[in-house]
Amino acid sequence: MGIGTSILLIAIGAILKFAVTASVSGIELATVGVILMVVGGIGLLISLFMYARATDRRREATVVRDRRVDPYA
């Protein structure tokens, strides 16, 4: 799950929790909204953690080499 998907789940969950007043028999839409917001939040945290690890790996793999330049050449 990526960052965009996580934000989408949070948005859909918030809409179900706070904006929808319809009722469906057998399903509480507010509870489904809370579940989607929690899952989206967890997915967002995991995505950000994985993104941070990937950027750390790129920094570690950078090789810097110094070259001597002959000023008289």
N, C-alpha and C. Protein backbone atom coordinates (compact mmCIF):
# COMPACT_ATOMS: atom_id res chain seq x y z
N MET A 1 0.85 -1.16 0.00
CA MET A 1 0.00 0.00 0.00
C MET A 1 0.90 1.23 0.00
N GLY A 2 0.64 2.14 -0.90
CA GLY A 2 1.45 3.33 -0.99
C GLY A 2 0.88 4.48 -0.19
N ILE A 3 1.57 5.61 -0.27
CA ILE A 3 1.14 6.79 0.47
C ILE A 3 -0.20 7.28 -0.06
N GLY A 4 -0.36 7.30 -1.38
CA GLY A 4 -1.62 7.77 -1.97
C GLY A 4 -2.80 6.89 -1.59
N THR A 5 -2.60 5.59 -1.59
CA THR A 5 -3.66 4.67 -1.22
C THR A 5 -4.05 4.85 0.24
N SER A 6 -3.07 5.06 1.09
CA SER A 6 -3.34 5.26 2.51
C SER A 6 -4.14 6.54 2.74
N ILE A 7 -3.77 7.60 2.06
CA ILE A 7 -4.51 8.86 2.19
C ILE A 7 -5.93 8.71 1.65
N LEU A 8 -6.09 7.95 0.57
CA LEU A 8 -7.42 7.69 0.03
C LEU A 8 -8.29 6.93 1.04
N LEU A 9 -7.72 5.92 1.69
CA LEU A 9 -8.47 5.17 2.70
C LEU A 9 -8.87 6.06 3.87
N ILE A 10 -7.96 6.93 4.29
CA ILE A 10 -8.28 7.85 5.39
C ILE A 10 -9.42 8.78 4.98
N ALA A 11 -9.37 9.30 3.75
CA ALA A 11 -10.40 10.21 3.28
C ALA A 11 -11.77 9.51 3.17
N ILE A 12 -11.79 8.31 2.61
CA ILE A 12 -13.04 7.58 2.50
C ILE A 12 -13.59 7.24 3.88
N GLY A 13 -12.71 6.84 4.79
CA GLY A 13 -13.15 6.55 6.15
C GLY A 13 -13.72 7.77 6.84
N ALA A 14 -13.09 8.94 6.64
CA ALA A 14 -13.60 10.16 7.26
C ALA A 14 -14.96 10.54 6.68
N ILE A 15 -15.13 10.34 5.39
CA ILE A 15 -16.43 10.63 4.78
C ILE A 15 -17.50 9.72 5.36
N LEU A 16 -17.19 8.43 5.48
CA LEU A 16 -18.17 7.50 6.05
C LEU A 16 -18.46 7.81 7.52
N LYS A 17 -17.47 8.22 8.26
CA LYS A 17 -17.65 8.49 9.68
C LYS A 17 -18.42 9.78 9.94
N PHE A 18 -18.05 10.85 9.24
CA PHE A 18 -18.56 12.16 9.61
C PHE A 18 -19.63 12.73 8.67
N ALA A 19 -19.70 12.26 7.42
CA ALA A 19 -20.59 12.90 6.46
C ALA A 19 -21.79 12.07 6.05
N VAL A 20 -21.69 10.77 6.13
CA VAL A 20 -22.78 9.92 5.65
C VAL A 20 -23.77 9.70 6.79
N THR A 21 -25.04 10.02 6.51
CA THR A 21 -26.07 9.82 7.53
C THR A 21 -27.01 8.68 7.17
N ALA A 22 -26.79 8.04 6.04
CA ALA A 22 -27.64 6.93 5.62
C ALA A 22 -27.38 5.72 6.51
N SER A 23 -28.35 4.85 6.55
CA SER A 23 -28.18 3.62 7.35
C SER A 23 -28.38 2.41 6.44
N VAL A 24 -27.58 1.41 6.71
CA VAL A 24 -27.65 0.16 5.97
C VAL A 24 -27.90 -0.93 7.00
N SER A 25 -28.84 -1.80 6.74
CA SER A 25 -29.14 -2.84 7.71
C SER A 25 -27.98 -3.84 7.80
N GLY A 26 -27.54 -4.09 9.00
CA GLY A 26 -26.47 -5.05 9.22
C GLY A 26 -25.08 -4.45 9.22
N ILE A 27 -24.93 -3.21 8.81
CA ILE A 27 -23.61 -2.58 8.76
C ILE A 27 -23.70 -1.19 9.37
N GLU A 28 -22.82 -0.90 10.28
CA GLU A 28 -22.71 0.44 10.85
C GLU A 28 -21.65 1.20 10.07
N LEU A 29 -22.07 2.18 9.27
CA LEU A 29 -21.14 2.88 8.37
C LEU A 29 -20.10 3.69 9.14
N ALA A 30 -20.45 4.20 10.31
CA ALA A 30 -19.49 4.95 11.10
C ALA A 30 -18.35 4.04 11.57
N THR A 31 -18.67 2.82 11.92
CA THR A 31 -17.64 1.87 12.34
C THR A 31 -16.74 1.49 11.17
N VAL A 32 -17.33 1.30 10.00
CA VAL A 32 -16.54 1.00 8.81
C VAL A 32 -15.61 2.18 8.51
N GLY A 33 -16.10 3.40 8.70
CA GLY A 33 -15.27 4.57 8.48
C GLY A 33 -14.09 4.64 9.43
N VAL A 34 -14.32 4.32 10.69
CA VAL A 34 -13.22 4.31 11.67
C VAL A 34 -12.20 3.24 11.31
N ILE A 35 -12.67 2.08 10.91
CA ILE A 35 -11.75 1.00 10.53
C ILE A 35 -10.91 1.42 9.33
N LEU A 36 -11.52 2.05 8.34
CA LEU A 36 -10.76 2.49 7.16
C LEU A 36 -9.74 3.56 7.54
N MET A 37 -10.11 4.47 8.44
CA MET A 37 -9.14 5.50 8.86
C MET A 37 -7.97 4.89 9.61
N VAL A 38 -8.23 3.90 10.46
CA VAL A 38 -7.15 3.25 11.20
C VAL A 38 -6.23 2.48 10.25
N VAL A 39 -6.82 1.72 9.34
CA VAL A 39 -6.01 0.96 8.37
C VAL A 39 -5.20 1.91 7.49
N GLY A 40 -5.82 3.00 7.06
CA GLY A 40 -5.10 3.99 6.26
C GLY A 40 -3.96 4.63 7.03
N GLY A 41 -4.18 4.93 8.32
CA GLY A 41 -3.11 5.50 9.14
C GLY A 41 -1.95 4.56 9.33
N ILE A 42 -2.26 3.29 9.58
CA ILE A 42 -1.20 2.29 9.73
C ILE A 42 -0.44 2.12 8.41
N GLY A 43 -1.17 2.07 7.30
CA GLY A 43 -0.53 1.96 6.00
C GLY A 43 0.35 3.16 5.68
N LEU A 44 -0.09 4.36 6.10
CA LEU A 44 0.70 5.56 5.88
C LEU A 44 1.99 5.52 6.68
N LEU A 45 1.90 5.10 7.93
CA LEU A 45 3.10 4.99 8.76
C LEU A 45 4.09 3.98 8.18
N ILE A 46 3.59 2.84 7.74
CA ILE A 46 4.46 1.82 7.16
C ILE A 46 5.09 2.33 5.86
N SER A 47 4.31 3.01 5.03
CA SER A 47 4.84 3.55 3.77
C SER A 47 5.92 4.59 4.03
N LEU A 48 5.70 5.48 4.99
CA LEU A 48 6.70 6.49 5.31
C LEU A 48 7.97 5.85 5.89
N PHE A 49 7.81 4.81 6.69
CA PHE A 49 8.96 4.10 7.25
C PHE A 49 9.78 3.44 6.14
N MET A 50 9.09 2.80 5.20
CA MET A 50 9.79 2.14 4.09
C MET A 50 10.46 3.17 3.19
N TYR A 51 9.82 4.31 2.98
CA TYR A 51 10.41 5.37 2.17
C TYR A 51 11.67 5.92 2.84
N ALA A 52 11.62 6.09 4.16
CA ALA A 52 12.79 6.59 4.89
C ALA A 52 13.95 5.59 4.81
N ARG A 53 13.64 4.31 4.90
CA ARG A 53 14.70 3.29 4.79
C ARG A 53 15.32 3.27 3.41
N ALA A 54 14.50 3.47 2.38
CA ALA A 54 15.01 3.46 1.00
C ALA A 54 15.93 4.65 0.77
N THR A 55 15.61 5.81 1.32
CA THR A 55 16.47 6.97 1.12
C THR A 55 17.76 6.82 1.92
N ASP A 56 17.71 6.14 3.06
CA ASP A 56 18.94 5.89 3.83
C ASP A 56 19.87 4.96 3.07
N ARG A 57 19.32 3.98 2.41
CA ARG A 57 20.16 3.04 1.64
C ARG A 57 20.84 3.75 0.48
N ARG A 58 20.15 4.71 -0.14
CA ARG A 58 20.76 5.44 -1.25
C ARG A 58 21.91 6.30 -0.75
N ARG A 59 21.79 6.86 0.43
CA ARG A 59 22.87 7.68 0.98
C ARG A 59 24.09 6.84 1.31
N GLU A 60 23.86 5.63 1.82
CA GLU A 60 24.97 4.76 2.18
C GLU A 60 25.71 4.26 0.94
N ALA A 61 25.04 4.15 -0.17
CA ALA A 61 25.65 3.59 -1.37
C ALA A 61 26.42 4.64 -2.18
N THR A 62 26.40 5.88 -1.76
CA THR A 62 27.09 6.93 -2.50
C THR A 62 28.59 6.83 -2.26
N VAL A 63 29.34 6.79 -3.35
CA VAL A 63 30.80 6.70 -3.27
C VAL A 63 31.38 8.02 -3.76
N VAL A 64 32.23 8.60 -2.94
CA VAL A 64 32.87 9.85 -3.31
C VAL A 64 34.36 9.58 -3.45
N ARG A 65 34.93 9.97 -4.58
CA ARG A 65 36.36 9.76 -4.81
C ARG A 65 37.01 11.12 -5.06
N ASP A 66 38.12 11.33 -4.40
CA ASP A 66 38.87 12.56 -4.62
C ASP A 66 39.96 12.28 -5.65
N ARG A 67 40.14 13.20 -6.57
CA ARG A 67 41.18 13.07 -7.56
C ARG A 67 42.16 14.23 -7.40
N ARG A 68 43.40 13.91 -7.55
CA ARG A 68 44.42 14.96 -7.53
C ARG A 68 44.49 15.64 -8.86
N VAL A 69 44.55 16.92 -8.83
CA VAL A 69 44.68 17.68 -10.06
C VAL A 69 46.06 18.33 -10.02
N ASP A 70 46.85 18.04 -11.06
CA ASP A 70 48.17 18.62 -11.14
C ASP A 70 48.04 20.06 -11.64
N PRO A 71 48.39 21.04 -10.82
CA PRO A 71 48.20 22.43 -11.25
C PRO A 71 49.15 22.84 -12.37
N TYR A 72 50.23 22.06 -12.61
CA TYR A 72 51.21 22.41 -13.63
C TYR A 72 50.99 21.68 -14.95
N ALA A 73 49.95 20.90 -15.01
CA ALA A 73 49.72 20.11 -16.23
C ALA A 73 49.02 20.91 -17.29
